[in-house]
Amino acid sequence: MMKEGLSLLCKTGNGLAHAFVKLEVREKELTDITLIQNFIHLRYVDLSDNLIRDLSPLSSLNHLLWLKVDNNKLTSAGMDELLYLQSASFANNQIKDTNGINHPRLASLNLKGNEIEKVTGLDPEILSNLHTLELRGNNLKSTTGFDLPKLKNLYLAQNSLTYLEGLTELGQLTTLHLRDNQLETLDGFSEDMKSLQYLNLRGNAISQIQELTKLLVLPMLRALVLLDNPCSEEGDYRIEVLVQLPRLERLDKDFFEEDERAEAEDIRQRRKEEELELEREREQEKEQEDQELEDPSAEEEIPVE
């Protein structure tokens, strides 16, 4: 299997010899990969669709750049530090936590379709280059544990999230996928999330369109997906979203037209005027009440029998 899977002959690190640097062994019902530790020059390894439970032999691959072990029997993604590893995919295994992932050059990590309930052990000092994290289809109940300074893309669709928390450190995040969760409110967003441009909330339980005002703290938000929420069934849904979020450019993958922007601006201005008028009426009523308290003669006379 090793012989058939090896390819891409390249110079070794010292330039004095050649070695195969790519290995692809898929759908072979592999359970034991001990032999791989002898091929120390491997840089690209794909062992997907096997029956592997133990990744420890990979620790000797000091030149590994790219690893894919999707659809195996792994219960952990933990390995010894691989100094040059940049992309790792552990999708569709039986992994229960995020501990033991400590590769300093890791930029992309895929843990889709596992059994993770809470993110733990992701050290921001070690994973300072991680920009894309895929966690769709797990059992996440919390959004804590993502204190990753360089993270730009976070995929949390198809989990069990009912509220958001712990996202204040994601100052460089540009894309956030929360599709098919159980969110009813939009609390948890922070003005510290100053780079967020795309937010997918499709298939949640947001019923009040006024919840969108909580997204005003996101200065760069330009694209929003709200389909399959109760609030998206309202007749004036698109216009009302634009009234609440005037900086938005795209809703549910459709860009806003100029006539929609004009209508939303008219509604926004009219409501502002109505609020000002209501405020003036309140102030006048308060002044009248204060005058009546100060002037006893303004009190109604009580007839004497």
Protein backbone atom coordinates (compact mmCIF):
# COMPACT_ATOMS: atom_id res chain seq x y z
CA MET A 1 0.00 0.00 0.00
CA MET A 2 2.86 2.37 0.78
CA LYS A 3 4.48 1.61 -2.56
CA GLU A 4 1.27 2.29 -4.46
CA GLY A 5 0.47 5.46 -2.51
CA LEU A 6 3.82 7.25 -2.74
CA SER A 7 4.33 10.02 -5.29
CA LEU A 8 5.88 13.44 -5.92
CA LEU A 9 9.63 12.88 -5.95
CA CYS A 10 11.47 15.92 -4.56
CA LYS A 11 14.84 16.91 -3.19
CA THR A 12 15.30 16.30 0.52
CA GLY A 13 15.87 19.18 2.91
CA ASN A 14 19.66 19.17 2.54
CA GLY A 15 19.39 18.99 -1.26
CA LEU A 16 21.70 15.97 -1.45
CA ALA A 17 19.11 13.29 -2.21
CA HIS A 18 15.56 12.71 -3.47
CA ALA A 19 12.55 11.20 -1.72
CA PHE A 20 8.82 10.79 -2.23
CA VAL A 21 7.01 13.49 -0.26
CA LYS A 22 3.36 12.62 -0.89
CA LEU A 23 1.39 9.61 0.39
CA GLU A 24 -2.24 8.80 -0.40
CA VAL A 25 -3.71 5.61 1.00
CA ARG A 26 -7.51 5.76 1.09
CA GLU A 27 -10.26 3.17 1.52
CA LYS A 28 -7.89 0.35 2.45
CA GLU A 29 -9.35 -0.51 5.89
CA LEU A 30 -6.02 0.45 7.45
CA THR A 31 -5.79 0.04 11.21
CA ASP A 32 -1.99 0.21 11.71
CA ILE A 33 0.17 2.98 10.19
CA THR A 34 3.39 2.20 12.08
CA LEU A 35 5.35 1.76 8.84
CA ILE A 36 4.82 5.43 7.96
CA GLN A 37 7.33 6.58 10.57
CA ASN A 38 10.15 5.34 8.34
CA PHE A 39 9.24 7.82 5.58
CA ILE A 40 10.48 10.92 7.36
CA HIS A 41 10.49 13.14 4.27
CA LEU A 42 6.71 13.03 3.71
CA ARG A 43 5.07 16.45 3.43
CA TYR A 44 1.55 15.60 2.22
CA VAL A 45 -0.37 12.68 3.73
CA ASP A 46 -3.94 11.55 3.04
CA LEU A 47 -5.14 8.53 5.04
CA SER A 48 -8.87 9.18 4.80
CA ASP A 49 -11.58 6.51 4.76
CA ASN A 50 -9.77 3.90 6.80
CA LEU A 51 -10.12 2.42 10.32
CA ILE A 52 -7.25 4.27 12.04
CA ARG A 53 -7.44 4.93 15.79
CA ASP A 54 -3.83 5.92 16.55
CA LEU A 55 -1.91 8.78 14.91
CA SER A 56 1.24 8.56 17.04
CA PRO A 57 3.42 7.21 14.15
CA LEU A 58 2.96 10.57 12.41
CA SER A 59 5.08 12.24 15.10
CA SER A 60 8.26 11.31 13.25
CA LEU A 61 7.20 13.23 10.11
CA ASN A 62 9.03 16.45 10.93
CA HIS A 63 8.52 17.89 7.43
CA LEU A 64 4.75 17.33 7.27
CA LEU A 65 2.86 20.31 5.81
CA TRP A 66 -0.58 18.86 5.01
CA LEU A 67 -2.55 16.08 6.73
CA LYS A 68 -5.95 14.59 5.99
CA VAL A 69 -7.36 11.72 8.07
CA ASP A 70 -11.10 12.13 7.49
CA ASN A 71 -13.55 9.25 8.06
CA ASN A 72 -11.52 7.10 10.43
CA LYS A 73 -12.07 5.89 14.02
CA LEU A 74 -10.15 8.63 15.83
CA THR A 75 -11.29 9.73 19.28
CA SER A 76 -8.64 12.47 19.58
CA ALA A 77 -6.84 14.89 17.26
CA GLY A 78 -3.95 15.22 19.69
CA MET A 79 -0.43 14.56 18.41
CA ASP A 80 3.12 15.58 19.20
CA GLU A 81 3.98 19.03 17.86
CA LEU A 82 4.61 19.10 14.13
CA LEU A 83 6.60 22.25 13.53
CA TYR A 84 5.69 22.82 9.86
CA LEU A 85 2.12 21.48 9.71
CA GLN A 86 -0.12 24.10 8.11
CA SER A 87 -3.36 22.28 7.22
CA ALA A 88 -4.99 19.41 9.12
CA SER A 89 -8.37 17.74 8.56
CA PHE A 90 -9.93 15.27 11.03
CA ALA A 91 -13.50 15.43 9.67
CA ASN A 92 -16.08 12.73 10.44
CA ASN A 93 -14.32 10.84 13.18
CA GLN A 94 -15.36 10.28 16.83
CA ILE A 95 -13.27 13.08 18.35
CA LYS A 96 -14.67 14.38 21.64
CA ASP A 97 -12.41 17.36 22.43
CA THR A 98 -9.91 19.80 20.92
CA ASN A 99 -7.02 19.12 23.28
CA GLY A 100 -3.52 18.29 22.07
CA ILE A 101 -3.55 20.46 18.92
CA ASN A 102 -0.33 22.41 19.29
CA HIS A 103 1.23 22.94 15.86
CA PRO A 104 2.62 26.50 15.71
CA ARG A 105 2.27 27.02 11.93
CA LEU A 106 -1.22 25.51 11.67
CA ALA A 107 -3.40 27.80 9.55
CA SER A 108 -6.45 25.63 8.76
CA LEU A 109 -8.08 23.06 11.05
CA ASN A 110 -11.09 20.92 10.09
CA LEU A 111 -12.95 19.06 12.86
CA LYS A 112 -16.32 18.81 11.10
CA GLY A 113 -18.68 15.97 11.95
CA ASN A 114 -17.24 14.85 15.28
CA GLU A 115 -18.63 14.68 18.85
CA ILE A 116 -17.13 17.82 20.40
CA GLU A 117 -19.31 19.52 23.02
CA LYS A 118 -16.94 22.28 24.12
CA VAL A 119 -13.78 23.82 22.70
CA THR A 120 -10.83 23.53 25.09
CA GLY A 121 -7.06 23.53 24.92
CA LEU A 122 -6.60 25.81 21.89
CA ASP A 123 -3.67 27.90 23.11
CA PRO A 124 -3.70 31.35 21.41
CA GLU A 125 0.04 31.74 21.90
CA ILE A 126 0.81 28.46 20.13
CA LEU A 127 -1.93 28.67 17.47
CA SER A 128 -1.17 32.26 16.54
CA ASN A 129 -1.37 31.48 12.80
CA LEU A 130 -4.71 29.66 12.80
CA HIS A 131 -7.09 31.56 10.49
CA THR A 132 -9.77 28.95 9.59
CA LEU A 133 -11.54 26.63 12.04
CA GLU A 134 -14.27 24.23 10.87
CA LEU A 135 -16.52 22.72 13.56
CA ARG A 136 -19.76 22.07 11.72
CA GLY A 137 -21.85 19.09 12.78
CA ASN A 138 -20.59 18.61 16.33
CA ASN A 139 -22.45 18.83 19.66
CA LEU A 140 -21.27 22.29 20.70
CA LYS A 141 -23.37 23.96 23.37
CA SER A 142 -21.06 26.92 24.02
CA THR A 143 -19.01 29.36 21.95
CA THR A 144 -16.28 29.79 24.55
CA GLY A 145 -12.70 28.68 23.95
CA PHE A 146 -12.05 30.63 20.73
CA ASP A 147 -9.46 33.09 22.04
CA LEU A 148 -7.51 32.91 18.78
CA PRO A 149 -6.01 36.24 17.68
CA LYS A 150 -5.62 35.54 13.95
CA LEU A 151 -8.86 33.60 13.38
CA LYS A 152 -10.71 34.88 10.29
CA ASN A 153 -13.19 32.11 9.43
CA LEU A 154 -15.22 30.21 12.02
CA TYR A 155 -17.80 27.58 11.02
CA LEU A 156 -20.17 26.49 13.80
CA ALA A 157 -23.21 25.37 11.80
CA GLN A 158 -25.29 22.32 12.79
CA ASN A 159 -24.49 22.34 16.49
CA SER A 160 -26.67 22.83 19.61
CA LEU A 161 -25.99 26.50 20.37
CA THR A 162 -28.75 28.39 22.18
CA TYR A 163 -26.79 31.57 22.94
CA LEU A 164 -23.46 33.23 22.12
CA GLU A 165 -20.65 34.06 24.52
CA GLY A 166 -16.89 34.47 24.66
CA LEU A 167 -16.44 35.96 21.18
CA THR A 168 -14.89 39.26 22.24
CA GLU A 169 -11.32 38.20 21.38
CA LEU A 170 -12.12 37.57 17.71
CA GLY A 171 -11.06 40.98 16.47
CA GLN A 172 -9.91 39.70 13.06
CA LEU A 173 -12.85 37.39 12.37
CA THR A 174 -14.43 38.15 8.97
CA THR A 175 -16.76 35.15 8.49
CA LEU A 176 -19.01 33.48 11.07
CA HIS A 177 -21.34 30.58 10.20
CA LEU A 178 -24.02 29.75 12.78
CA ARG A 179 -26.55 28.04 10.52
CA ASP A 180 -28.92 25.39 11.92
CA ASN A 181 -28.48 26.05 15.63
CA GLN A 182 -31.10 27.04 18.23
CA LEU A 183 -30.41 30.76 18.71
CA GLU A 184 -33.42 32.85 19.76
CA THR A 185 -31.60 36.11 20.51
CA LEU A 186 -28.54 37.91 19.15
CA ASP A 187 -26.86 38.77 22.43
CA GLY A 188 -23.14 38.03 22.60
CA PHE A 189 -21.81 40.11 19.72
CA SER A 190 -19.25 42.72 20.65
CA GLU A 191 -17.88 45.95 19.22
CA ASP A 192 -14.48 44.26 19.51
CA MET A 193 -15.53 42.10 16.53
CA LYS A 194 -14.65 45.00 14.28
CA SER A 195 -13.73 42.91 11.20
CA LEU A 196 -16.83 40.69 10.87
CA GLN A 197 -18.27 41.04 7.37
CA TYR A 198 -20.33 37.89 6.78
CA LEU A 199 -22.78 36.35 9.27
CA ASN A 200 -24.90 33.28 8.51
CA LEU A 201 -27.81 32.74 10.92
CA ARG A 202 -29.99 30.61 8.67
CA GLY A 203 -32.18 28.00 10.31
CA ASN A 204 -32.23 29.36 13.86
CA ALA A 205 -35.18 30.45 16.03
CA ILE A 206 -35.00 34.25 15.82
CA SER A 207 -38.59 35.49 15.87
CA GLN A 208 -38.20 39.21 16.68
CA ILE A 209 -36.66 41.25 13.89
CA GLN A 210 -35.77 43.91 16.48
CA GLU A 211 -33.00 41.53 17.61
CA LEU A 212 -31.05 42.80 14.61
CA THR A 213 -30.33 46.08 16.37
CA LYS A 214 -27.83 44.10 18.46
CA LEU A 215 -25.76 43.69 15.29
CA LEU A 216 -25.18 47.44 15.04
CA VAL A 217 -22.04 46.90 17.14
CA LEU A 218 -20.49 45.19 14.08
CA PRO A 219 -19.20 48.12 11.99
CA MET A 220 -18.05 46.03 9.00
CA LEU A 221 -21.05 43.70 8.68
CA ARG A 222 -22.11 43.72 5.02
CA ALA A 223 -23.71 40.30 4.37
CA LEU A 224 -26.33 38.55 6.48
CA VAL A 225 -28.27 35.30 6.00
CA LEU A 226 -31.53 34.99 7.96
CA LEU A 227 -33.60 32.54 5.92
CA ASP A 228 -35.57 29.86 7.77
CA ASN A 229 -35.92 31.97 10.91
CA PRO A 230 -39.46 32.90 12.04
CA CYS A 231 -38.71 36.60 11.47
CA SER A 232 -37.96 35.97 7.78
CA GLU A 233 -41.62 35.09 7.16
CA GLU A 234 -42.81 38.66 7.72
CA GLY A 235 -44.10 40.40 4.61
CA ASP A 236 -41.81 43.44 4.74
CA TYR A 237 -38.85 41.36 5.91
CA ARG A 238 -36.16 42.65 3.54
CA ILE A 239 -37.02 46.31 4.00
CA GLU A 240 -37.30 45.95 7.76
CA VAL A 241 -33.85 44.34 7.96
CA LEU A 242 -32.39 47.24 5.98
CA VAL A 243 -34.15 49.73 8.27
CA GLN A 244 -32.46 48.11 11.25
CA LEU A 245 -29.05 47.66 9.56
CA PRO A 246 -28.46 50.52 7.08
CA ARG A 247 -24.86 49.47 6.32
CA LEU A 248 -25.90 46.02 5.10
CA GLU A 249 -25.24 45.30 1.42
CA ARG A 250 -26.57 41.77 1.02
CA LEU A 251 -29.36 39.77 2.66
CA ASP A 252 -29.80 36.04 2.00
CA LYS A 253 -27.32 36.22 -0.90
CA ASP A 254 -29.28 38.96 -2.74
CA PHE A 255 -27.88 42.48 -2.90
CA PHE A 256 -30.17 45.36 -1.94
CA GLU A 257 -31.49 47.47 -4.82
CA GLU A 258 -31.43 51.27 -4.78
CA ASP A 259 -35.23 51.50 -4.49
CA GLU A 260 -35.10 49.26 -1.39
CA ARG A 261 -32.46 51.53 0.14
CA ALA A 262 -34.58 54.60 -0.60
CA GLU A 263 -37.69 53.02 0.94
CA ALA A 264 -35.75 51.92 4.04
CA GLU A 265 -34.29 55.41 4.43
CA ASP A 266 -37.79 56.96 4.20
CA ILE A 267 -39.10 54.59 6.88
CA ARG A 268 -36.07 55.25 9.07
CA GLN A 269 -36.50 59.02 8.75
CA ARG A 270 -40.24 58.86 9.41
CA ARG A 271 -39.73 56.77 12.54
CA LYS A 272 -37.08 59.16 13.75
CA GLU A 273 -39.47 62.09 13.32
CA GLU A 274 -42.23 60.18 15.11
CA GLU A 275 -39.87 59.43 17.99
CA LEU A 276 -38.87 63.10 18.22
CA GLU A 277 -42.51 64.17 18.22
CA LEU A 278 -43.33 61.62 20.91
CA GLU A 279 -40.39 62.85 22.98
CA ARG A 280 -41.60 66.46 22.66
CA GLU A 281 -45.07 65.43 23.82
CA ARG A 282 -43.59 63.67 26.83
CA GLU A 283 -41.54 66.76 27.71
CA GLN A 284 -44.61 69.02 27.40
CA GLU A 285 -46.64 66.73 29.65
CA LYS A 286 -43.83 66.69 32.21
CA GLU A 287 -43.55 70.51 32.14
CA GLN A 288 -47.31 70.83 32.66
CA GLU A 289 -47.19 68.41 35.60
CA ASP A 290 -44.29 70.37 37.15
CA GLN A 291 -46.20 73.67 36.76
CA GLU A 292 -49.29 72.21 38.43
CA LEU A 293 -47.17 71.05 41.38
CA GLU A 294 -45.55 74.51 41.73
CA ASP A 295 -48.79 76.56 41.37
CA PRO A 296 -51.38 75.63 44.04
CA SER A 297 -53.97 77.90 42.40
CA ALA A 298 -53.95 75.58 39.44
CA GLU A 299 -55.42 72.90 41.63
CA GLU A 300 -59.11 72.22 41.18
CA GLU A 301 -61.29 73.90 43.81
CA ILE A 302 -63.16 71.60 46.15
CA PRO A 303 -66.81 72.76 46.61
CA VAL A 304 -67.89 73.49 50.17
CA GLU A 305 -71.24 71.99 51.19
